[in-house]
C-alpha atoms as a PDB file:
ATOM      1  CA  UNK A   1     -14.214  -2.867   6.586  1.00  0.00           C
ATOM      2  CA  UNK A   2     -11.012  -1.377   5.557  1.00  0.00           C
ATOM      3  CA  UNK A   3      -8.687  -2.724   8.466  1.00  0.00           C
ATOM      4  CA  UNK A   4      -6.151  -5.100   8.458  1.00  0.00           C
ATOM      5  CA  UNK A   5      -3.220  -5.895   6.324  1.00  0.00           C
ATOM      6  CA  UNK A   6      -3.171  -4.830   2.350  1.00  0.00           C
ATOM      7  CA  UNK A   7      -0.417  -5.532   0.479  1.00  0.00           C
ATOM      8  CA  UNK A   8       0.927  -2.957  -1.624  1.00  0.00           C
ATOM      9  CA  UNK A   9       1.533  -5.417  -4.300  1.00  0.00           C
ATOM     10  CA  UNK A  10       4.499  -5.017  -6.943  1.00  0.00           C
ATOM     11  CA  UNK A  11       3.826  -5.143 -10.500  1.00  0.00           C
ATOM     12  CA  UNK A  12       6.231  -8.492 -11.894  1.00  0.00           C
ATOM     13  CA  UNK A  13       7.453  -7.589 -15.402  1.00  0.00           C
ATOM     14  CA  UNK A  14       9.000  -9.743 -17.694  1.00  0.00           C
ATOM     15  CA  UNK A  15      10.640  -8.429 -20.946  1.00  0.00           C
ATOM     16  CA  UNK A  16       8.972  -5.122 -20.803  1.00  0.00           C
ATOM     17  CA  UNK A  17       5.689  -6.825 -20.528  1.00  0.00           C
ATOM     18  CA  UNK A  18       3.692  -7.624 -17.247  1.00  0.00           C
ATOM     19  CA  UNK A  19       4.117 -11.212 -16.305  1.00  0.00           C
ATOM     20  CA  UNK A  20       0.928 -12.349 -15.437  1.00  0.00           C
ATOM     21  CA  UNK A  21       2.299 -15.833 -14.646  1.00  0.00           C
ATOM     22  CA  UNK A  22       4.260 -15.037 -11.806  1.00  0.00           C
ATOM     23  CA  UNK A  23       1.662 -12.374 -10.624  1.00  0.00           C
ATOM     24  CA  UNK A  24      -1.058 -15.143 -10.216  1.00  0.00           C
ATOM     25  CA  UNK A  25       1.430 -17.308  -8.024  1.00  0.00           C
ATOM     26  CA  UNK A  26       2.067 -14.166  -5.852  1.00  0.00           C
ATOM     27  CA  UNK A  27      -1.627 -13.516  -5.569  1.00  0.00           C
ATOM     28  CA  UNK A  28      -2.275 -17.144  -4.399  1.00  0.00           C
ATOM     29  CA  UNK A  29       0.640 -16.845  -1.754  1.00  0.00           C
ATOM     30  CA  UNK A  30      -0.616 -13.712  -0.694  1.00  0.00           C
ATOM     31  CA  UNK A  31      -4.059 -15.143  -0.049  1.00  0.00           C
ATOM     32  CA  UNK A  32      -2.867 -18.414   1.359  1.00  0.00           C
ATOM     33  CA  UNK A  33      -0.917 -16.206   3.751  1.00  0.00           C
ATOM     34  CA  UNK A  34      -3.994 -14.616   5.414  1.00  0.00           C
ATOM     35  CA  UNK A  35      -3.514 -11.027   4.125  1.00  0.00           C
ATOM     36  CA  UNK A  36      -6.672  -8.903   4.004  1.00  0.00           C
ATOM     37  CA  UNK A  37      -6.377  -7.390   0.790  1.00  0.00           C
ATOM     38  CA  UNK A  38      -4.628  -6.476  -2.284  1.00  0.00           C
ATOM     39  CA  UNK A  39      -3.887  -2.987  -3.514  1.00  0.00           C
ATOM     40  CA  UNK A  40      -2.871  -3.084  -7.392  1.00  0.00           C
ATOM     41  CA  UNK A  41      -1.685   0.028  -9.198  1.00  0.00           C
ATOM     42  CA  UNK A  42      -0.023   1.676  -6.250  1.00  0.00           C
ATOM     43  CA  UNK A  43       3.261   3.520  -5.493  1.00  0.00           C
ATOM     44  CA  UNK A  44       4.670  -0.098  -5.010  1.00  0.00           C
ATOM     45  CA  UNK A  45       3.111  -1.256  -8.331  1.00  0.00           C
ATOM     46  CA  UNK A  46       4.837   1.224 -10.373  1.00  0.00           C
ATOM     47  CA  UNK A  47       1.647   2.721 -11.526  1.00  0.00           C
ATOM     48  CA  UNK A  48       3.266   5.911 -12.985  1.00  0.00           C
ATOM     49  CA  UNK A  49       4.974   3.826 -15.442  1.00  0.00           C
ATOM     50  CA  UNK A  50       1.980   1.729 -16.397  1.00  0.00           C
ATOM     51  CA  UNK A  51      -0.073   2.836 -19.655  1.00  0.00           C
ATOM     52  CA  UNK A  52      -3.754   3.482 -19.320  1.00  0.00           C
ATOM     53  CA  UNK A  53      -4.421   0.072 -20.970  1.00  0.00           C
ATOM     54  CA  UNK A  54      -2.242  -1.786 -18.386  1.00  0.00           C
ATOM     55  CA  UNK A  55      -3.590   0.202 -15.440  1.00  0.00           C
ATOM     56  CA  UNK A  56      -6.994  -0.808 -16.174  1.00  0.00           C
ATOM     57  CA  UNK A  57      -6.162  -4.620 -17.363  1.00  0.00           C
ATOM     58  CA  UNK A  58      -4.061  -4.830 -14.133  1.00  0.00           C
ATOM     59  CA  UNK A  59      -7.095  -4.019 -12.079  1.00  0.00           C
ATOM     60  CA  UNK A  60      -9.557  -6.264 -13.982  1.00  0.00           C
ATOM     61  CA  UNK A  61      -7.110  -9.245 -14.229  1.00  0.00           C
ATOM     62  CA  UNK A  62      -6.462  -8.811 -10.296  1.00  0.00           C
ATOM     63  CA  UNK A  63     -10.310  -8.674  -9.502  1.00  0.00           C
ATOM     64  CA  UNK A  64     -11.239 -11.939 -11.947  1.00  0.00           C
ATOM     65  CA  UNK A  65      -8.195 -14.017 -10.175  1.00  0.00           C
ATOM     66  CA  UNK A  66      -8.729 -12.991  -6.553  1.00  0.00           C
ATOM     67  CA  UNK A  67     -12.611 -13.843  -7.226  1.00  0.00           C
ATOM     68  CA  UNK A  68     -13.588 -12.230  -3.821  1.00  0.00           C
ATOM     69  CA  UNK A  69     -11.266 -14.331  -1.901  1.00  0.00           C
ATOM     70  CA  UNK A  70      -9.968 -11.309  -0.391  1.00  0.00           C
ATOM     71  CA  UNK A  71     -10.333  -7.811  -0.714  1.00  0.00           C
ATOM     72  CA  UNK A  72      -9.151  -5.526  -3.605  1.00  0.00           C
ATOM     73  CA  UNK A  73      -8.348  -2.112  -3.302  1.00  0.00           C
ATOM     74  CA  UNK A  74      -7.304  -0.625  -6.357  1.00  0.00           C
ATOM     75  CA  UNK A  75      -4.929   2.395  -6.908  1.00  0.00           C
ATOM     76  CA  UNK A  76      -6.848   5.075  -9.365  1.00  0.00           C
ATOM     77  CA  UNK A  77      -5.009   8.259  -7.844  1.00  0.00           C
ATOM     78  CA  UNK A  78      -4.069  11.048 -10.280  1.00  0.00           C
ATOM     79  CA  UNK A  79      -3.092  14.778 -10.045  1.00  0.00           C
ATOM     80  CA  UNK A  80      -5.927  15.343 -12.406  1.00  0.00           C
ATOM     81  CA  UNK A  81      -9.493  15.366 -10.917  1.00  0.00           C
ATOM     82  CA  UNK A  82     -11.097  14.168 -14.255  1.00  0.00           C
ATOM     83  CA  UNK A  83      -8.549  11.445 -15.038  1.00  0.00           C
ATOM     84  CA  UNK A  84      -8.819  10.283 -11.154  1.00  0.00           C
ATOM     85  CA  UNK A  85     -12.689   9.890 -11.790  1.00  0.00           C
ATOM     86  CA  UNK A  86     -12.279   8.040 -14.859  1.00  0.00           C
ATOM     87  CA  UNK A  87      -9.666   5.397 -13.334  1.00  0.00           C
ATOM     88  CA  UNK A  88     -12.159   5.432 -10.186  1.00  0.00           C
ATOM     89  CA  UNK A  89     -15.100   4.619 -12.019  1.00  0.00           C
ATOM     90  CA  UNK A  90     -13.409   2.031 -14.558  1.00  0.00           C
ATOM     91  CA  UNK A  91     -12.195   0.122 -11.320  1.00  0.00           C
ATOM     92  CA  UNK A  92     -15.632   0.150  -9.897  1.00  0.00           C
ATOM     93  CA  UNK A  93     -17.260  -1.247 -12.931  1.00  0.00           C
ATOM     94  CA  UNK A  94     -14.427  -3.731 -13.012  1.00  0.00           C
ATOM     95  CA  UNK A  95     -15.639  -5.225  -9.366  1.00  0.00           C
ATOM     96  CA  UNK A  96     -12.917  -3.895  -7.074  1.00  0.00           C
ATOM     97  CA  UNK A  97     -13.941  -3.619  -3.237  1.00  0.00           C
ATOM     98  CA  UNK A  98     -12.648  -0.175  -2.834  1.00  0.00           C
ATOM     99  CA  UNK A  99     -10.280   2.444  -4.136  1.00  0.00           C
ATOM    100  CA  UNK A 100      -7.063   4.057  -3.190  1.00  0.00           C
ATOM    101  CA  UNK A 101      -6.884   7.539  -4.024  1.00  0.00           C
ATOM    102  CA  UNK A 102      -3.550   9.643  -3.672  1.00  0.00           C
ATOM    103  CA  UNK A 103      -2.883  13.125  -3.044  1.00  0.00           C
ATOM    104  CA  UNK A 104      -2.777  15.179  -6.309  1.00  0.00           C
ATOM    105  CA  UNK A 105       1.326  15.613  -7.164  1.00  0.00           C
ATOM    106  CA  UNK A 106       3.395  18.099  -8.684  1.00  0.00           C
ATOM    107  CA  UNK A 107       0.555  20.796  -9.029  1.00  0.00           C
ATOM    108  CA  UNK A 108       0.449  21.143  -5.186  1.00  0.00           C
ATOM    109  CA  UNK A 109      -2.997  21.982  -4.789  1.00  0.00           C
ATOM    110  CA  UNK A 110      -4.041  24.039  -1.455  1.00  0.00           C
ATOM    111  CA  UNK A 111      -6.120  22.414   1.484  1.00  0.00           C
ATOM    112  CA  UNK A 112      -9.254  23.343  -0.235  1.00  0.00           C
ATOM    113  CA  UNK A 113      -7.990  22.084  -3.447  1.00  0.00           C
ATOM    114  CA  UNK A 114      -7.366  18.577  -1.894  1.00  0.00           C
ATOM    115  CA  UNK A 115     -10.696  18.687  -0.157  1.00  0.00           C
ATOM    116  CA  UNK A 116     -12.394  19.295  -3.497  1.00  0.00           C
ATOM    117  CA  UNK A 117     -10.527  17.008  -5.382  1.00  0.00           C
ATOM    118  CA  UNK A 118     -11.204  13.911  -3.000  1.00  0.00           C
ATOM    119  CA  UNK A 119     -14.729  14.931  -2.294  1.00  0.00           C
ATOM    120  CA  UNK A 120     -15.326  14.627  -6.142  1.00  0.00           C
ATOM    121  CA  UNK A 121     -14.271  11.187  -6.245  1.00  0.00           C
ATOM    122  CA  UNK A 122     -15.890  10.023  -3.306  1.00  0.00           C
ATOM    123  CA  UNK A 123     -19.239  11.517  -4.923  1.00  0.00           C
ATOM    124  CA  UNK A 124     -18.789   9.405  -7.971  1.00  0.00           C
ATOM    125  CA  UNK A 125     -17.355   6.153  -6.273  1.00  0.00           C
ATOM    126  CA  UNK A 126     -19.790   3.382  -5.987  1.00  0.00           C
ATOM    127  CA  UNK A 127     -17.189   1.735  -3.873  1.00  0.00           C
ATOM    128  CA  UNK A 128     -15.527   2.941  -0.434  1.00  0.00           C
ATOM    129  CA  UNK A 129     -12.664   5.292  -0.915  1.00  0.00           C
ATOM    130  CA  UNK A 130      -9.409   5.321   0.922  1.00  0.00           C
ATOM    131  CA  UNK A 131      -7.218   8.199   1.056  1.00  0.00           C
ATOM    132  CA  UNK A 132      -3.516   8.238   0.640  1.00  0.00           C
ATOM    133  CA  UNK A 133      -1.472  10.847   2.094  1.00  0.00           C
ATOM    134  CA  UNK A 134       1.916  10.552   0.967  1.00  0.00           C
ATOM    135  CA  UNK A 135       3.635  14.183   0.829  1.00  0.00           C
ATOM    136  CA  UNK A 136       7.277  12.960   0.279  1.00  0.00           C
ATOM    137  CA  UNK A 137       6.071  11.926  -3.038  1.00  0.00           C
ATOM    138  CA  UNK A 138       3.467  14.355  -4.105  1.00  0.00           C
ATOM    139  CA  UNK A 139       4.730  17.467  -2.696  1.00  0.00           C
ATOM    140  CA  UNK A 140       1.534  18.356  -0.557  1.00  0.00           C
ATOM    141  CA  UNK A 141       0.500  17.284   2.795  1.00  0.00           C
ATOM    142  CA  UNK A 142      -3.195  16.087   3.369  1.00  0.00           C
ATOM    143  CA  UNK A 143      -3.805  17.472   6.859  1.00  0.00           C
ATOM    144  CA  UNK A 144      -5.822  16.294   9.779  1.00  0.00           C
ATOM    145  CA  UNK A 145      -8.171  19.048   9.678  1.00  0.00           C
ATOM    146  CA  UNK A 146      -9.133  18.662   5.890  1.00  0.00           C
ATOM    147  CA  UNK A 147      -9.213  14.785   6.311  1.00  0.00           C
ATOM    148  CA  UNK A 148     -11.660  15.460   9.176  1.00  0.00           C
ATOM    149  CA  UNK A 149     -13.928  17.361   6.904  1.00  0.00           C
ATOM    150  CA  UNK A 150     -13.519  14.793   4.189  1.00  0.00           C
ATOM    151  CA  UNK A 151     -14.577  11.894   6.641  1.00  0.00           C
ATOM    152  CA  UNK A 152     -17.925  13.519   6.862  1.00  0.00           C
ATOM    153  CA  UNK A 153     -18.909  11.974   3.732  1.00  0.00           C
ATOM    154  CA  UNK A 154     -19.958   8.482   3.950  1.00  0.00           C
ATOM    155  CA  UNK A 155     -17.944   7.050   1.346  1.00  0.00           C
ATOM    156  CA  UNK A 156     -14.819   7.875   2.404  1.00  0.00           C
ATOM    157  CA  UNK A 157     -13.715   5.024   4.820  1.00  0.00           C
ATOM    158  CA  UNK A 158     -10.199   4.965   5.477  1.00  0.00           C
ATOM    159  CA  UNK A 159      -6.916   6.844   4.995  1.00  0.00           C
ATOM    160  CA  UNK A 160      -3.272   5.455   4.478  1.00  0.00           C
ATOM    161  CA  UNK A 161      -1.072   7.674   6.198  1.00  0.00           C
ATOM    162  CA  UNK A 162       2.626   7.709   4.953  1.00  0.00           C
ATOM    163  CA  UNK A 163       3.568  11.172   6.191  1.00  0.00           C
ATOM    164  CA  UNK A 164       5.929   9.219   8.419  1.00  0.00           C
ATOM    165  CA  UNK A 165       4.749  12.040  11.171  1.00  0.00           C
ATOM    166  CA  UNK A 166       3.257  10.024  14.224  1.00  0.00           C
ATOM    167  CA  UNK A 167       2.124  13.007  16.041  1.00  0.00           C
ATOM    168  CA  UNK A 168       0.006  14.247  12.844  1.00  0.00           C
ATOM    169  CA  UNK A 169      -1.405  10.654  12.787  1.00  0.00           C
ATOM    170  CA  UNK A 170      -2.217  10.875  16.389  1.00  0.00           C
ATOM    171  CA  UNK A 171      -3.816  14.397  15.551  1.00  0.00           C
ATOM    172  CA  UNK A 172      -5.790  12.727  13.019  1.00  0.00           C
ATOM    173  CA  UNK A 173      -7.076   9.950  15.011  1.00  0.00           C
ATOM    174  CA  UNK A 174      -8.115  12.309  17.799  1.00  0.00           C
ATOM    175  CA  UNK A 175     -10.031  14.351  15.441  1.00  0.00           C
ATOM    176  CA  UNK A 176     -11.639  11.474  13.387  1.00  0.00           C
ATOM    177  CA  UNK A 177     -10.755   7.999  14.323  1.00  0.00           C
ATOM    178  CA  UNK A 178     -14.843   7.281  14.983  1.00  0.00           C
ATOM    179  CA  UNK A 179     -15.395   8.213  11.447  1.00  0.00           C
ATOM    180  CA  UNK A 180     -12.660   6.423   9.506  1.00  0.00           C
ATOM    181  CA  UNK A 181      -9.824   4.006  10.098  1.00  0.00           C
ATOM    182  CA  UNK A 182      -6.076   5.350   9.657  1.00  0.00           C
ATOM    183  CA  UNK A 183      -4.048   2.375   8.414  1.00  0.00           C
ATOM    184  CA  UNK A 184      -0.043   3.113   8.161  1.00  0.00           C
ATOM    185  CA  UNK A 185       1.588   3.571   5.155  1.00  0.00           C
ATOM    186  CA  UNK A 186       4.908   2.825   6.562  1.00  0.00           C
ATOM    187  CA  UNK A 187       5.872  -0.918   7.609  1.00  0.00           C
ATOM    188  CA  UNK A 188       7.893   0.606  10.315  1.00  0.00           C
ATOM    189  CA  UNK A 189       5.100   2.822  12.092  1.00  0.00           C
ATOM    190  CA  UNK A 190       2.684  -0.084  12.075  1.00  0.00           C
ATOM    191  CA  UNK A 191       3.395  -1.006  15.795  1.00  0.00           C
ATOM    192  CA  UNK A 192       3.314   2.519  17.361  1.00  0.00           C
ATOM    193  CA  UNK A 193       0.177   3.629  14.993  1.00  0.00           C
ATOM    194  CA  UNK A 194      -1.913   0.831  16.093  1.00  0.00           C
ATOM    195  CA  UNK A 195      -0.884   1.406  19.575  1.00  0.00           C
ATOM    196  CA  UNK A 196      -2.585   4.413  19.468  1.00  0.00           C
ATOM    197  CA  UNK A 197      -5.651   3.517  17.791  1.00  0.00           C
ATOM    198  CA  UNK A 198      -4.651   2.713  13.828  1.00  0.00           C
ATOM    199  CA  UNK A 199      -6.333   0.126  12.124  1.00  0.00           C
ATOM    200  CA  UNK A 200      -3.597  -1.582  10.052  1.00  0.00           C
ATOM    201  CA  UNK A 201      -1.047  -1.203   7.281  1.00  0.00           C
ATOM    202  CA  UNK A 202      -0.639  -0.870   3.741  1.00  0.00           C
ATOM    203  CA  UNK A 203       2.250  -2.817   3.550  1.00  0.00           C
ATOM    204  CA  UNK A 204       5.407  -3.115   1.127  1.00  0.00           C
ATOM    205  CA  UNK A 205       7.001  -5.648   3.285  1.00  0.00           C
ATOM    206  CA  UNK A 206       3.976  -8.029   2.911  1.00  0.00           C
ATOM    207  CA  UNK A 207       5.031  -8.825  -0.675  1.00  0.00           C
ATOM    208  CA  UNK A 208       7.983 -10.738   0.972  1.00  0.00           C
ATOM    209  CA  UNK A 209       6.667 -11.986   4.273  1.00  0.00           C
ATOM    210  CA  UNK A 210       2.774 -11.885   4.083  1.00  0.00           C
ATOM    211  CA  UNK A 211       1.983 -14.241   6.869  1.00  0.00           C
ATOM    212  CA  UNK A 212       4.650 -12.579   9.265  1.00  0.00           C
ATOM    213  CA  UNK A 213       2.831  -9.417   8.760  1.00  0.00           C
ATOM    214  CA  UNK A 214      -0.473 -10.814   9.337  1.00  0.00           C
ATOM    215  CA  UNK A 215       0.418 -12.358  12.405  1.00  0.00           C
ATOM    216  CA  UNK A 216       1.993  -9.031  13.403  1.00  0.00           C
ATOM    217  CA  UNK A 217      -1.068  -7.105  12.773  1.00  0.00           C
ATOM    218  CA  UNK A 218      -3.345  -9.823  14.696  1.00  0.00           C
ATOM    219  CA  UNK A 219      -1.209  -9.533  17.743  1.00  0.00           C
ATOM    220  CA  UNK A 220      -1.486  -5.970  17.916  1.00  0.00           C
ATOM    221  CA  UNK A 221      -5.229  -6.103  17.713  1.00  0.00           C
ATOM    222  CA  UNK A 222      -5.265  -8.770  20.126  1.00  0.00           C
ATOM    223  CA  UNK A 223      -3.350  -6.673  22.690  1.00  0.00           C
ATOM    224  CA  UNK A 224      -0.788  -9.285  22.884  1.00  0.00           C
ATOM    225  CA  UNK A 225       1.928  -6.668  22.852  1.00  0.00           C
ATOM    226  CA  UNK A 226       4.884  -8.318  24.106  1.00  0.00           C
ATOM    227  CA  UNK A 227       4.685 -11.075  21.416  1.00  0.00           C
ATOM    228  CA  UNK A 228       4.010  -8.131  19.034  1.00  0.00           C
ATOM    229  CA  UNK A 229       7.255  -6.313  20.002  1.00  0.00           C
ATOM    230  CA  UNK A 230       9.490  -9.501  19.507  1.00  0.00           C
ATOM    231  CA  UNK A 231       8.094 -10.055  16.125  1.00  0.00           C
ATOM    232  CA  UNK A 232       8.144  -6.462  15.173  1.00  0.00           C
ATOM    233  CA  UNK A 233      11.679  -6.140  15.948  1.00  0.00           C
ATOM    234  CA  UNK A 234      12.700  -8.848  14.065  1.00  0.00           C
ATOM    235  CA  UNK A 235      11.125  -7.449  11.191  1.00  0.00           C
ATOM    236  CA  UNK A 236      12.226  -3.917  11.518  1.00  0.00           C
ATOM    237  CA  UNK A 237      15.565  -4.420   9.689  1.00  0.00           C
ATOM    238  CA  UNK A 238      13.538  -5.454   6.571  1.00  0.00           C
ATOM    239  CA  UNK A 239      11.235  -2.560   7.148  1.00  0.00           C
ATOM    240  CA  UNK A 240      14.311  -0.318   6.990  1.00  0.00           C
ATOM    241  CA  UNK A 241      16.534  -1.844   4.337  1.00  0.00           C
ATOM    242  CA  UNK A 242      13.300  -2.270   2.222  1.00  0.00           C
ATOM    243  CA  UNK A 243      13.440   1.514   2.101  1.00  0.00           C
ATOM    244  CA  UNK A 244      17.318   2.111   1.418  1.00  0.00           C
ATOM    245  CA  UNK A 245      16.584   2.855  -2.356  1.00  0.00           C
ATOM    246  CA  UNK A 246      13.361   4.263  -3.532  1.00  0.00           C
ATOM    247  CA  UNK A 247      10.368   2.026  -3.556  1.00  0.00           C
ATOM    248  CA  UNK A 248      10.074  -0.530  -4.863  1.00  0.00           C
ATOM    249  CA  UNK A 249      13.126  -1.146  -6.165  1.00  0.00           C
ATOM    250  CA  UNK A 250      14.532  -3.257  -2.998  1.00  0.00           C
ATOM    251  CA  UNK A 251      11.261  -5.353  -2.593  1.00  0.00           C
ATOM    252  CA  UNK A 252      11.461  -6.108  -6.247  1.00  0.00           C
ATOM    253  CA  UNK A 253      15.023  -7.133  -5.858  1.00  0.00           C
ATOM    254  CA  UNK A 254      14.197  -9.283  -2.735  1.00  0.00           C
ATOM    255  CA  UNK A 255      11.235 -10.813  -4.559  1.00  0.00           C
ATOM    256  CA  UNK A 256      13.446 -11.905  -6.941  1.00  0.00           C
ATOM    257  CA  UNK A 257      15.939 -13.226  -4.526  1.00  0.00           C
ATOM    258  CA  UNK A 258      13.130 -15.455  -3.302  1.00  0.00           C
ATOM    259  CA  UNK A 259      12.118 -16.712  -6.674  1.00  0.00           C
ATOM    260  CA  UNK A 260       8.901 -15.124  -7.240  1.00  0.00           C
ATOM    261  CA  UNK A 261       9.782 -13.046 -10.197  1.00  0.00           C
ATOM    262  CA  UNK A 262      12.089 -10.989 -11.931  1.00  0.00           C
ATOM    263  CA  UNK A 263      13.919  -8.391 -10.667  1.00  0.00           C
ATOM    264  CA  UNK A 264      12.946  -5.797 -13.734  1.00  0.00           C
ATOM    265  CA  UNK A 265      11.989  -2.380 -13.112  1.00  0.00           C
ATOM    266  CA  UNK A 266      10.534   0.356 -15.545  1.00  0.00           C
ATOM    267  CA  UNK A 267      12.679   3.656 -15.914  1.00  0.00           C
ATOM    268  CA  UNK A 268      13.109   5.887 -14.520  1.00  0.00           C
ATOM    269  CA  UNK A 269      13.605   3.623 -11.413  1.00  0.00           C
ATOM    270  CA  UNK A 270      16.983   1.148 -11.984  1.00  0.00           C
ATOM    271  CA  UNK A 271      18.013  -1.645 -10.659  1.00  0.00           C
ATOM    272  CA  UNK A 272      19.327  -1.812  -6.878  1.00  0.00           C
ATOM    273  CA  UNK A 273      22.774  -0.315  -6.263  1.00  0.00           C
ATOM    274  CA  UNK A 274      25.196  -3.007  -5.330  1.00  0.00           C
ATOM    275  CA  UNK A 275      27.187  -2.439  -2.194  1.00  0.00           C
ATOM    276  CA  UNK A 276      26.780  -2.756   1.781  1.00  0.00           C
ATOM    277  CA  UNK A 277      23.211  -1.872   1.884  1.00  0.00           C
ATOM    278  CA  UNK A 278      22.491  -4.711  -1.116  1.00  0.00           C
ATOM    279  CA  UNK A 279      24.498  -7.232   0.816  1.00  0.00           C
ATOM    280  CA  UNK A 280      22.686  -6.282   4.385  1.00  0.00           C
ATOM    281  CA  UNK A 281      19.383  -6.678   2.837  1.00  0.00           C
ATOM    282  CA  UNK A 282      20.057  -9.984   0.721  1.00  0.00           C
ATOM    283  CA  UNK A 283      21.446 -11.348   4.280  1.00  0.00           C
ATOM    284  CA  UNK A 284      18.283 -10.526   6.495  1.00  0.00           C
ATOM    285  CA  UNK A 285      15.993 -11.554   3.661  1.00  0.00           C
ATOM    286  CA  UNK A 286      17.495 -15.188   3.829  1.00  0.00           C
ATOM    287  CA  UNK A 287      17.993 -15.167   7.592  1.00  0.00           C
ATOM    288  CA  UNK A 288      14.368 -14.577   8.081  1.00  0.00           C
ATOM    289  CA  UNK A 289      13.197 -16.877   5.393  1.00  0.00           C
ATOM    290  CA  UNK A 290      15.683 -19.912   6.810  1.00  0.00           C
ATOM    291  CA  UNK A 291      14.004 -19.166  10.230  1.00  0.00           C
ATOM    292  CA  UNK A 292      10.562 -19.755   9.072  1.00  0.00           C
ATOM    293  CA  UNK A 293       9.440 -16.423   8.147  1.00  0.00           C
ATOM    294  CA  UNK A 294       7.168 -16.347   5.207  1.00  0.00           C
END
């Protein structure tokens, strides 16, 4: 089932190319630290700047290297329904365990257009579908009523909710929480969302601290709320600082600080701005690492 901690994995680059040597080491660490699954080619993976060839290769190599040790839920979204279907079919043929499909961006479809778009994808996918609602990036909000309609399709199993609106998420769980799993698309909302029935997180911060994120979700699932809150509040500064510039700029910077890869990022994104926020982020990352967080 699509629940637990899924790492929205970065795409490490070196000299303009995907750095698979670093990537495989990152994957090994993720798996050893107990995450549920890997999400390649999402927002954090800089999917808009990957070529079609890179996109396909990255998913295929992720599946091959992970080798069923954890789930692989591949990002296959597009603002073209035909293109999203092609990416979905390719990923399914490569052996993913599920696909993540984002709101069509830029063309701003109506709710009926969103419904028809995701329905077409669900109808052709041979793997479970996780919807991805992120209106801040796509310009459209996939409303709970529309998701409730989509949840009637047996292939639509989950939604990554990144609207930032906990009230909307509560409405979604009330409407269709028995038909699909709602996962937080924001690390900072994982505890409150799971407290009202959410089933986990598609996490950016688990790139940095996968074991800690896995522990947090396990504590919440076990209703050990006092310990969960303590851990949540220790991680909260990282949740907040990881979003002080456009994702994945801060997390890639921190992955470089921790020695996992370069901080190379593709235009139009640029390196993290030096200043107070940069220094605060650096300080909290190393404080947590030195206190045993991993």
